[in-house]
């Protein structure tokens, strides 16, 4: 598997950074890269696993050959169920197993490098502050959406006017718990966001490769997941 050079995070911060990188890769596979992920999970192939890497990349591949493996392995055979259920249900199932795998890898490192009770609790709390992959994929993560314009550009500008500063603070408060449908990260007032007109999920422009200039010419925006939806047997 080409996931970059292996390394062993030894502190709580390093393990959490490893967790976030792997999580970002898995979320990418199940959202913005979902069409490619779907095609790679051919039920005719052998048992396949979905791997996330600290580099925020993902890969569908056969499980590790060594026994026991260097790291805990993801769920085996995710491709076999692909055509036996609705796509959204299959993706949700893969998301749940991916959440379990991420936790197992994080606490494998914790056990290997002797994290004590305080370290384990701190690591869990850091992880628990992020929405799960399942919550991101299914859209069940707690979020607040505006029913106003479907495209919002929130590029931060240093304002000299107190009223404008007040409006920016209100915007931050209103959307503070909004989560990106691709990466699962929180809203920030210095970034461009766009809302899907179909599923009404918000996305960082950079996550779905939409710039403010391009957004101006979009009458109805469909996120990658909604654009790729089709009836499957």
C-alpha atoms as a PDB file:
ATOM      1  CA  UNK A   1       0.000   0.000   0.000  1.00  0.00           C
ATOM      2  CA  UNK A   2       1.327   3.363  -0.980  1.00  0.00           C
ATOM      3  CA  UNK A   3       0.363   5.505   1.945  1.00  0.00           C
ATOM      4  CA  UNK A   4       3.660   7.235   2.446  1.00  0.00           C
ATOM      5  CA  UNK A   5       6.541   6.318   4.706  1.00  0.00           C
ATOM      6  CA  UNK A   6       5.360   4.565   7.893  1.00  0.00           C
ATOM      7  CA  UNK A   7       5.922   6.370  11.143  1.00  0.00           C
ATOM      8  CA  UNK A   8       4.970   5.924  14.764  1.00  0.00           C
ATOM      9  CA  UNK A   9       3.325   8.854  16.547  1.00  0.00           C
ATOM     10  CA  UNK A  10       4.414   8.798  20.174  1.00  0.00           C
ATOM     11  CA  UNK A  11       2.615  11.713  21.841  1.00  0.00           C
ATOM     12  CA  UNK A  12      -1.079  12.480  22.256  1.00  0.00           C
ATOM     13  CA  UNK A  13      -0.768  15.376  19.800  1.00  0.00           C
ATOM     14  CA  UNK A  14       1.015  13.212  17.222  1.00  0.00           C
ATOM     15  CA  UNK A  15      -1.545  10.421  17.524  1.00  0.00           C
ATOM     16  CA  UNK A  16      -4.381  12.923  17.141  1.00  0.00           C
ATOM     17  CA  UNK A  17      -2.686  14.406  14.065  1.00  0.00           C
ATOM     18  CA  UNK A  18      -2.403  10.885  12.649  1.00  0.00           C
ATOM     19  CA  UNK A  19      -6.094  10.314  13.434  1.00  0.00           C
ATOM     20  CA  UNK A  20      -7.173  13.534  11.702  1.00  0.00           C
ATOM     21  CA  UNK A  21      -5.152  12.753   8.587  1.00  0.00           C
ATOM     22  CA  UNK A  22      -6.575   9.249   8.248  1.00  0.00           C
ATOM     23  CA  UNK A  23     -10.077  10.554   8.979  1.00  0.00           C
ATOM     24  CA  UNK A  24      -9.795  13.235   6.285  1.00  0.00           C
ATOM     25  CA  UNK A  25      -8.761  10.619   3.730  1.00  0.00           C
ATOM     26  CA  UNK A  26     -11.665   8.322   4.609  1.00  0.00           C
ATOM     27  CA  UNK A  27     -14.175  11.184   4.487  1.00  0.00           C
ATOM     28  CA  UNK A  28     -12.824  12.153   1.077  1.00  0.00           C
ATOM     29  CA  UNK A  29     -13.362   8.589  -0.186  1.00  0.00           C
ATOM     30  CA  UNK A  30     -16.965   8.533   1.044  1.00  0.00           C
ATOM     31  CA  UNK A  31     -17.946  12.038  -0.099  1.00  0.00           C
ATOM     32  CA  UNK A  32     -16.021  14.026  -2.698  1.00  0.00           C
ATOM     33  CA  UNK A  33     -14.353  10.905  -4.226  1.00  0.00           C
ATOM     34  CA  UNK A  34     -17.377   8.648  -3.764  1.00  0.00           C
ATOM     35  CA  UNK A  35     -17.744   7.739  -7.459  1.00  0.00           C
ATOM     36  CA  UNK A  36     -14.147   6.564  -7.700  1.00  0.00           C
ATOM     37  CA  UNK A  37     -14.475   4.721  -4.391  1.00  0.00           C
ATOM     38  CA  UNK A  38     -17.667   2.993  -5.575  1.00  0.00           C
ATOM     39  CA  UNK A  39     -16.012   1.798  -8.776  1.00  0.00           C
ATOM     40  CA  UNK A  40     -12.976   0.429  -6.955  1.00  0.00           C
ATOM     41  CA  UNK A  41     -15.141  -1.678  -4.628  1.00  0.00           C
ATOM     42  CA  UNK A  42     -15.953  -4.277  -7.273  1.00  0.00           C
ATOM     43  CA  UNK A  43     -17.840  -7.210  -5.677  1.00  0.00           C
ATOM     44  CA  UNK A  44     -16.133  -9.558  -8.153  1.00  0.00           C
ATOM     45  CA  UNK A  45     -12.761  -8.852  -6.571  1.00  0.00           C
ATOM     46  CA  UNK A  46     -11.350 -10.474  -3.431  1.00  0.00           C
ATOM     47  CA  UNK A  47     -11.856  -9.133   0.081  1.00  0.00           C
ATOM     48  CA  UNK A  48     -11.116  -5.412  -0.029  1.00  0.00           C
ATOM     49  CA  UNK A  49     -10.497  -2.867   2.728  1.00  0.00           C
ATOM     50  CA  UNK A  50     -10.691   0.927   2.812  1.00  0.00           C
ATOM     51  CA  UNK A  51      -7.537   2.502   4.227  1.00  0.00           C
ATOM     52  CA  UNK A  52      -7.000   6.088   5.306  1.00  0.00           C
ATOM     53  CA  UNK A  53      -3.490   7.521   5.587  1.00  0.00           C
ATOM     54  CA  UNK A  54      -1.991  10.321   7.711  1.00  0.00           C
ATOM     55  CA  UNK A  55      -1.363  12.175   4.438  1.00  0.00           C
ATOM     56  CA  UNK A  56      -5.162  12.583   4.042  1.00  0.00           C
ATOM     57  CA  UNK A  57      -5.198  10.084   1.171  1.00  0.00           C
ATOM     58  CA  UNK A  58      -7.268   6.911   0.883  1.00  0.00           C
ATOM     59  CA  UNK A  59      -6.873   3.555  -0.793  1.00  0.00           C
ATOM     60  CA  UNK A  60      -8.964   0.466  -1.485  1.00  0.00           C
ATOM     61  CA  UNK A  61      -6.735  -2.588  -1.282  1.00  0.00           C
ATOM     62  CA  UNK A  62      -6.348  -6.145  -0.091  1.00  0.00           C
ATOM     63  CA  UNK A  63      -5.636  -6.615   3.622  1.00  0.00           C
ATOM     64  CA  UNK A  64      -2.096  -6.854   4.914  1.00  0.00           C
ATOM     65  CA  UNK A  65      -0.510 -10.270   4.446  1.00  0.00           C
ATOM     66  CA  UNK A  66       1.515 -10.325   7.654  1.00  0.00           C
ATOM     67  CA  UNK A  67      -0.095 -11.896  10.729  1.00  0.00           C
ATOM     68  CA  UNK A  68      -0.517 -10.179  13.071  1.00  0.00           C
ATOM     69  CA  UNK A  69      -0.577  -6.961  11.013  1.00  0.00           C
ATOM     70  CA  UNK A  70       1.598  -3.972  11.890  1.00  0.00           C
ATOM     71  CA  UNK A  71      -1.569  -1.911  12.582  1.00  0.00           C
ATOM     72  CA  UNK A  72      -5.169  -2.941  13.228  1.00  0.00           C
ATOM     73  CA  UNK A  73      -6.876  -3.730   9.918  1.00  0.00           C
ATOM     74  CA  UNK A  74     -10.058  -2.063   8.585  1.00  0.00           C
ATOM     75  CA  UNK A  75     -13.253  -4.026   7.983  1.00  0.00           C
ATOM     76  CA  UNK A  76     -12.675  -6.827   5.484  1.00  0.00           C
ATOM     77  CA  UNK A  77     -14.790  -7.392   2.377  1.00  0.00           C
ATOM     78  CA  UNK A  78     -16.559  -4.029   2.127  1.00  0.00           C
ATOM     79  CA  UNK A  79     -16.959  -4.612  -1.617  1.00  0.00           C
ATOM     80  CA  UNK A  80     -19.168  -7.697  -1.236  1.00  0.00           C
ATOM     81  CA  UNK A  81     -22.137  -5.753   0.150  1.00  0.00           C
ATOM     82  CA  UNK A  82     -21.940  -2.948  -2.425  1.00  0.00           C
ATOM     83  CA  UNK A  83     -24.613  -4.217  -4.807  1.00  0.00           C
ATOM     84  CA  UNK A  84     -26.777  -5.875  -2.174  1.00  0.00           C
ATOM     85  CA  UNK A  85     -28.077  -2.677  -0.588  1.00  0.00           C
ATOM     86  CA  UNK A  86     -28.854   0.935  -1.425  1.00  0.00           C
ATOM     87  CA  UNK A  87     -25.753   3.011  -2.014  1.00  0.00           C
ATOM     88  CA  UNK A  88     -26.410   5.415   0.874  1.00  0.00           C
ATOM     89  CA  UNK A  89     -26.876   2.495   3.273  1.00  0.00           C
ATOM     90  CA  UNK A  90     -23.709   0.834   2.038  1.00  0.00           C
ATOM     91  CA  UNK A  91     -21.716   4.041   2.419  1.00  0.00           C
ATOM     92  CA  UNK A  92     -23.128   4.482   5.937  1.00  0.00           C
ATOM     93  CA  UNK A  93     -22.051   0.940   6.810  1.00  0.00           C
ATOM     94  CA  UNK A  94     -18.533   1.563   5.523  1.00  0.00           C
ATOM     95  CA  UNK A  95     -18.478   4.852   7.460  1.00  0.00           C
ATOM     96  CA  UNK A  96     -19.355   3.114  10.740  1.00  0.00           C
ATOM     97  CA  UNK A  97     -16.625   0.510  10.261  1.00  0.00           C
ATOM     98  CA  UNK A  98     -14.193   3.282   9.338  1.00  0.00           C
ATOM     99  CA  UNK A  99     -14.964   5.082  12.614  1.00  0.00           C
ATOM    100  CA  UNK A 100     -14.237   1.877  14.530  1.00  0.00           C
ATOM    101  CA  UNK A 101     -10.967   1.383  12.654  1.00  0.00           C
ATOM    102  CA  UNK A 102      -9.793   4.941  13.345  1.00  0.00           C
ATOM    103  CA  UNK A 103     -10.346   4.507  17.072  1.00  0.00           C
ATOM    104  CA  UNK A 104      -8.580   1.154  17.091  1.00  0.00           C
ATOM    105  CA  UNK A 105      -5.519   2.601  15.335  1.00  0.00           C
ATOM    106  CA  UNK A 106      -5.377   5.630  17.652  1.00  0.00           C
ATOM    107  CA  UNK A 107      -5.577   3.560  20.822  1.00  0.00           C
ATOM    108  CA  UNK A 108      -3.204   0.958  19.411  1.00  0.00           C
ATOM    109  CA  UNK A 109      -0.597   3.715  19.336  1.00  0.00           C
ATOM    110  CA  UNK A 110      -1.669   4.748  22.824  1.00  0.00           C
ATOM    111  CA  UNK A 111      -1.186   1.229  24.170  1.00  0.00           C
ATOM    112  CA  UNK A 112       2.063   0.677  22.308  1.00  0.00           C
ATOM    113  CA  UNK A 113       3.677   3.825  23.646  1.00  0.00           C
ATOM    114  CA  UNK A 114       2.357   3.570  27.168  1.00  0.00           C
ATOM    115  CA  UNK A 115      -0.268   6.308  27.377  1.00  0.00           C
ATOM    116  CA  UNK A 116      -1.537   6.558  30.934  1.00  0.00           C
ATOM    117  CA  UNK A 117      -5.130   7.185  32.010  1.00  0.00           C
ATOM    118  CA  UNK A 118      -4.778  10.958  31.650  1.00  0.00           C
ATOM    119  CA  UNK A 119      -3.279  10.687  28.153  1.00  0.00           C
ATOM    120  CA  UNK A 120      -5.952   8.239  26.997  1.00  0.00           C
ATOM    121  CA  UNK A 121      -8.715  10.474  28.304  1.00  0.00           C
ATOM    122  CA  UNK A 122      -7.210  13.545  26.640  1.00  0.00           C
ATOM    123  CA  UNK A 123      -6.851  11.684  23.329  1.00  0.00           C
ATOM    124  CA  UNK A 124     -10.441  10.491  23.472  1.00  0.00           C
ATOM    125  CA  UNK A 125     -11.730  13.974  24.251  1.00  0.00           C
ATOM    126  CA  UNK A 126      -9.792  15.432  21.315  1.00  0.00           C
ATOM    127  CA  UNK A 127     -11.229  12.761  19.012  1.00  0.00           C
ATOM    128  CA  UNK A 128     -14.720  13.135  20.446  1.00  0.00           C
ATOM    129  CA  UNK A 129     -14.772  16.840  19.615  1.00  0.00           C
ATOM    130  CA  UNK A 130     -14.831  15.889  15.921  1.00  0.00           C
ATOM    131  CA  UNK A 131     -17.955  14.514  14.240  1.00  0.00           C
ATOM    132  CA  UNK A 132     -17.696  10.853  13.308  1.00  0.00           C
ATOM    133  CA  UNK A 133     -17.298   9.799   9.697  1.00  0.00           C
ATOM    134  CA  UNK A 134     -20.788   8.321   9.914  1.00  0.00           C
ATOM    135  CA  UNK A 135     -22.178  11.682  11.017  1.00  0.00           C
ATOM    136  CA  UNK A 136     -20.425  13.476   8.161  1.00  0.00           C
ATOM    137  CA  UNK A 137     -21.488  10.961   5.510  1.00  0.00           C
ATOM    138  CA  UNK A 138     -25.122  10.765   6.616  1.00  0.00           C
ATOM    139  CA  UNK A 139     -25.460  14.472   7.425  1.00  0.00           C
ATOM    140  CA  UNK A 140     -26.611  13.757  10.982  1.00  0.00           C
ATOM    141  CA  UNK A 141     -23.868  15.844  12.607  1.00  0.00           C
ATOM    142  CA  UNK A 142     -25.269  18.811  14.480  1.00  0.00           C
ATOM    143  CA  UNK A 143     -25.231  21.846  12.241  1.00  0.00           C
ATOM    144  CA  UNK A 144     -26.942  25.142  11.683  1.00  0.00           C
ATOM    145  CA  UNK A 145     -27.839  26.249   8.198  1.00  0.00           C
ATOM    146  CA  UNK A 146     -29.003  29.554   6.878  1.00  0.00           C
ATOM    147  CA  UNK A 147     -32.157  29.517   4.759  1.00  0.00           C
ATOM    148  CA  UNK A 148     -30.960  32.628   2.948  1.00  0.00           C
ATOM    149  CA  UNK A 149     -28.547  32.664  -0.030  1.00  0.00           C
ATOM    150  CA  UNK A 150     -27.356  29.235  -1.106  1.00  0.00           C
ATOM    151  CA  UNK A 151     -23.880  30.560  -1.822  1.00  0.00           C
ATOM    152  CA  UNK A 152     -21.927  32.459   0.752  1.00  0.00           C
ATOM    153  CA  UNK A 153     -18.492  33.946   0.478  1.00  0.00           C
ATOM    154  CA  UNK A 154     -17.026  34.709   3.863  1.00  0.00           C
ATOM    155  CA  UNK A 155     -13.547  35.792   2.894  1.00  0.00           C
ATOM    156  CA  UNK A 156     -12.308  37.710   5.886  1.00  0.00           C
ATOM    157  CA  UNK A 157     -11.654  41.403   5.354  1.00  0.00           C
ATOM    158  CA  UNK A 158     -10.065  43.637   7.940  1.00  0.00           C
ATOM    159  CA  UNK A 159     -12.928  46.050   8.508  1.00  0.00           C
ATOM    160  CA  UNK A 160     -12.456  49.506   9.946  1.00  0.00           C
ATOM    161  CA  UNK A 161     -16.146  49.919  10.455  1.00  0.00           C
ATOM    162  CA  UNK A 162     -17.539  48.708  13.793  1.00  0.00           C
ATOM    163  CA  UNK A 163     -20.893  47.771  12.270  1.00  0.00           C
ATOM    164  CA  UNK A 164     -19.214  45.462   9.766  1.00  0.00           C
ATOM    165  CA  UNK A 165     -17.207  43.870  12.540  1.00  0.00           C
ATOM    166  CA  UNK A 166     -20.430  43.278  14.437  1.00  0.00           C
ATOM    167  CA  UNK A 167     -22.002  41.588  11.417  1.00  0.00           C
ATOM    168  CA  UNK A 168     -18.964  39.349  11.035  1.00  0.00           C
ATOM    169  CA  UNK A 169     -19.228  38.298  14.684  1.00  0.00           C
ATOM    170  CA  UNK A 170     -22.921  37.526  14.235  1.00  0.00           C
ATOM    171  CA  UNK A 171     -22.118  35.438  11.160  1.00  0.00           C
ATOM    172  CA  UNK A 172     -19.497  33.500  13.130  1.00  0.00           C
ATOM    173  CA  UNK A 173     -21.994  32.838  15.921  1.00  0.00           C
ATOM    174  CA  UNK A 174     -24.775  31.848  13.523  1.00  0.00           C
ATOM    175  CA  UNK A 175     -22.690  29.343  11.595  1.00  0.00           C
ATOM    176  CA  UNK A 176     -20.228  28.371  14.303  1.00  0.00           C
ATOM    177  CA  UNK A 177     -21.529  24.798  14.456  1.00  0.00           C
ATOM    178  CA  UNK A 178     -21.937  24.316  10.712  1.00  0.00           C
ATOM    179  CA  UNK A 179     -19.809  21.412   9.499  1.00  0.00           C
ATOM    180  CA  UNK A 180     -18.332  20.891   6.067  1.00  0.00           C
ATOM    181  CA  UNK A 181     -20.030  17.957   4.328  1.00  0.00           C
ATOM    182  CA  UNK A 182     -16.683  16.864   2.887  1.00  0.00           C
ATOM    183  CA  UNK A 183     -14.057  17.223   5.614  1.00  0.00           C
ATOM    184  CA  UNK A 184     -16.308  17.563   8.671  1.00  0.00           C
ATOM    185  CA  UNK A 185     -14.484  20.619   9.980  1.00  0.00           C
ATOM    186  CA  UNK A 186     -16.271  23.593  11.538  1.00  0.00           C
ATOM    187  CA  UNK A 187     -17.262  26.836   9.858  1.00  0.00           C
ATOM    188  CA  UNK A 188     -14.676  29.615   9.868  1.00  0.00           C
ATOM    189  CA  UNK A 189     -15.339  33.196   8.846  1.00  0.00           C
ATOM    190  CA  UNK A 190     -12.155  33.435   6.781  1.00  0.00           C
ATOM    191  CA  UNK A 191     -13.166  30.763   4.268  1.00  0.00           C
ATOM    192  CA  UNK A 192     -15.484  30.517   1.277  1.00  0.00           C
ATOM    193  CA  UNK A 193     -18.415  28.136   1.691  1.00  0.00           C
ATOM    194  CA  UNK A 194     -21.073  26.851  -0.688  1.00  0.00           C
ATOM    195  CA  UNK A 195     -24.342  25.025  -0.023  1.00  0.00           C
ATOM    196  CA  UNK A 196     -25.707  22.155  -2.113  1.00  0.00           C
ATOM    197  CA  UNK A 197     -29.183  22.973  -3.407  1.00  0.00           C
ATOM    198  CA  UNK A 198     -30.134  19.287  -3.327  1.00  0.00           C
ATOM    199  CA  UNK A 199     -29.021  17.934   0.074  1.00  0.00           C
ATOM    200  CA  UNK A 200     -28.524  21.385   1.662  1.00  0.00           C
ATOM    201  CA  UNK A 201     -25.148  20.459   3.108  1.00  0.00           C
ATOM    202  CA  UNK A 202     -22.480  23.162   3.352  1.00  0.00           C
ATOM    203  CA  UNK A 203     -18.977  22.657   1.960  1.00  0.00           C
ATOM    204  CA  UNK A 204     -15.670  24.485   2.030  1.00  0.00           C
ATOM    205  CA  UNK A 205     -15.108  25.766  -1.485  1.00  0.00           C
ATOM    206  CA  UNK A 206     -11.618  24.238  -1.443  1.00  0.00           C
ATOM    207  CA  UNK A 207     -13.022  20.802  -0.534  1.00  0.00           C
ATOM    208  CA  UNK A 208     -15.311  20.700  -3.578  1.00  0.00           C
ATOM    209  CA  UNK A 209     -12.993  22.738  -5.825  1.00  0.00           C
ATOM    210  CA  UNK A 210     -15.357  25.698  -6.223  1.00  0.00           C
ATOM    211  CA  UNK A 211     -13.979  29.239  -6.147  1.00  0.00           C
ATOM    212  CA  UNK A 212     -16.022  32.374  -5.340  1.00  0.00           C
ATOM    213  CA  UNK A 213     -15.639  33.486  -8.961  1.00  0.00           C
ATOM    214  CA  UNK A 214     -16.938  30.181 -10.286  1.00  0.00           C
ATOM    215  CA  UNK A 215     -19.796  30.152  -7.778  1.00  0.00           C
ATOM    216  CA  UNK A 216     -21.113  33.413  -9.194  1.00  0.00           C
ATOM    217  CA  UNK A 217     -22.001  31.565 -12.414  1.00  0.00           C
ATOM    218  CA  UNK A 218     -23.674  28.569 -10.777  1.00  0.00           C
ATOM    219  CA  UNK A 219     -27.477  28.755 -10.755  1.00  0.00           C
ATOM    220  CA  UNK A 220     -28.001  25.492  -8.881  1.00  0.00           C
ATOM    221  CA  UNK A 221     -25.076  23.868  -7.107  1.00  0.00           C
ATOM    222  CA  UNK A 222     -24.935  20.087  -6.680  1.00  0.00           C
ATOM    223  CA  UNK A 223     -22.266  18.644  -4.414  1.00  0.00           C
ATOM    224  CA  UNK A 224     -20.173  15.689  -5.680  1.00  0.00           C
ATOM    225  CA  UNK A 225     -22.343  13.142  -3.867  1.00  0.00           C
ATOM    226  CA  UNK A 226     -25.597  14.495  -5.317  1.00  0.00           C
ATOM    227  CA  UNK A 227     -24.040  14.850  -8.776  1.00  0.00           C
ATOM    228  CA  UNK A 228     -22.970  11.209  -8.735  1.00  0.00           C
ATOM    229  CA  UNK A 229     -26.237   9.797  -7.460  1.00  0.00           C
ATOM    230  CA  UNK A 230     -27.901   7.371  -9.820  1.00  0.00           C
ATOM    231  CA  UNK A 231     -30.252   4.436  -9.527  1.00  0.00           C
ATOM    232  CA  UNK A 232     -28.297   1.287  -8.869  1.00  0.00           C
ATOM    233  CA  UNK A 233     -29.678  -2.261  -8.981  1.00  0.00           C
END
